[in-house]
Amino acid sequence: MVVVVLAVMIVVIVVIVVMMIMVVVMVMMVVMVVAVIVVAFRTADMIRIVVIEEVRIVFQRPFEIEGALVQDLGRSTPERVVE
């Protein structure tokens, strides 16, 4: 009787230890997946910032030229007569 109880206790302890190891491994996997997702989001954000900066640089000069043309056009038009 005592041997059976000891055997059952050993089996229960082994099962609990194995389950704890499995839980630790699953938590580690979740942490790794979250870390990969965070790195991917940060990388995508950095790429987005670089693309926006490049677009700004590309379009900055045409906007400066257009602004100068509009200002020049405003100076060259005759004044309106106020009634």
Protein backbone atom coordinates (compact mmCIF):
# COMPACT_ATOMS: atom_id res chain seq x y z
CA MET A 1 0.00 0.00 0.00
CA VAL A 2 2.80 2.41 0.94
CA VAL A 3 4.69 1.59 -2.24
CA VAL A 4 1.64 2.40 -4.37
CA VAL A 5 1.17 5.74 -2.61
CA LEU A 6 4.86 6.58 -3.08
CA ALA A 7 4.69 5.58 -6.75
CA VAL A 8 1.61 7.76 -7.30
CA MET A 9 3.29 10.68 -5.53
CA ILE A 10 6.40 10.31 -7.69
CA VAL A 11 4.27 10.20 -10.85
CA VAL A 12 2.36 13.30 -9.73
CA ILE A 13 5.60 15.17 -8.97
CA VAL A 14 7.08 14.18 -12.34
CA VAL A 15 3.93 15.31 -14.14
CA ILE A 16 3.96 18.65 -12.29
CA VAL A 17 7.64 19.20 -13.10
CA VAL A 18 7.09 18.37 -16.77
CA MET A 19 4.09 20.71 -16.92
CA MET A 20 6.11 23.52 -15.31
CA ILE A 21 8.86 23.05 -17.88
CA MET A 22 6.27 23.17 -20.66
CA VAL A 23 4.78 26.37 -19.24
CA VAL A 24 8.23 27.99 -19.06
CA VAL A 25 8.96 27.00 -22.67
CA MET A 26 5.58 28.37 -23.84
CA VAL A 27 6.17 31.66 -22.02
CA MET A 28 9.61 31.93 -23.60
CA MET A 29 8.07 31.35 -27.04
CA VAL A 30 5.45 34.05 -26.44
CA VAL A 31 8.13 36.49 -25.30
CA MET A 32 10.18 35.76 -28.43
CA VAL A 33 7.17 36.30 -30.71
CA VAL A 34 6.34 39.59 -28.99
CA ALA A 35 9.97 40.70 -29.30
CA VAL A 36 9.95 39.93 -33.03
CA ILE A 37 6.71 41.87 -33.48
CA VAL A 38 8.10 44.87 -31.58
CA VAL A 39 11.28 44.86 -33.65
CA ALA A 40 9.23 44.62 -36.85
CA PHE A 41 7.05 47.58 -35.84
CA ARG A 42 10.06 49.71 -34.91
CA THR A 43 11.80 48.84 -38.17
CA ALA A 44 8.67 49.68 -40.17
CA ASP A 45 8.37 52.98 -38.31
CA MET A 46 11.99 53.86 -39.06
CA ILE A 47 11.50 53.01 -42.74
CA ARG A 48 8.34 55.15 -42.80
CA ILE A 49 10.22 58.10 -41.29
CA VAL A 50 13.02 57.76 -43.86
CA VAL A 51 10.52 57.60 -46.74
CA ILE A 52 8.64 60.66 -45.47
CA GLU A 53 11.91 62.57 -45.14
CA GLU A 54 12.95 61.61 -48.68
CA VAL A 55 9.56 62.68 -50.06
CA ARG A 56 9.89 65.99 -48.22
CA ILE A 57 13.36 66.54 -49.69
CA VAL A 58 12.18 65.66 -53.21
CA PHE A 59 9.16 68.00 -53.10
CA GLN A 60 10.72 70.84 -51.11
CA ARG A 61 12.47 72.48 -54.07
CA PRO A 62 9.43 72.50 -56.42
CA PHE A 63 7.33 74.02 -53.62
CA GLU A 64 9.94 76.73 -53.09
CA ILE A 65 9.96 77.52 -56.81
CA GLU A 66 6.16 77.54 -56.96
CA GLY A 67 6.01 79.83 -53.91
CA ALA A 68 8.45 82.24 -55.53
CA LEU A 69 6.42 82.25 -58.74
CA VAL A 70 3.20 82.95 -56.86
CA GLN A 71 4.85 85.82 -54.96
CA ASP A 72 6.27 87.21 -58.21
CA LEU A 73 2.86 86.90 -59.86
CA GLY A 74 1.32 88.78 -56.96
CA ARG A 75 3.79 91.63 -57.35
CA SER A 76 3.40 91.87 -61.10
CA THR A 77 -0.42 92.17 -61.18
CA PRO A 78 -1.87 95.65 -61.16
CA GLU A 79 -3.61 96.86 -58.06
CA ARG A 80 -7.35 96.49 -57.99
CA VAL A 81 -9.46 99.54 -57.87
CA VAL A 82 -11.54 99.66 -54.74
CA GLU A 83 -15.04 100.91 -55.39
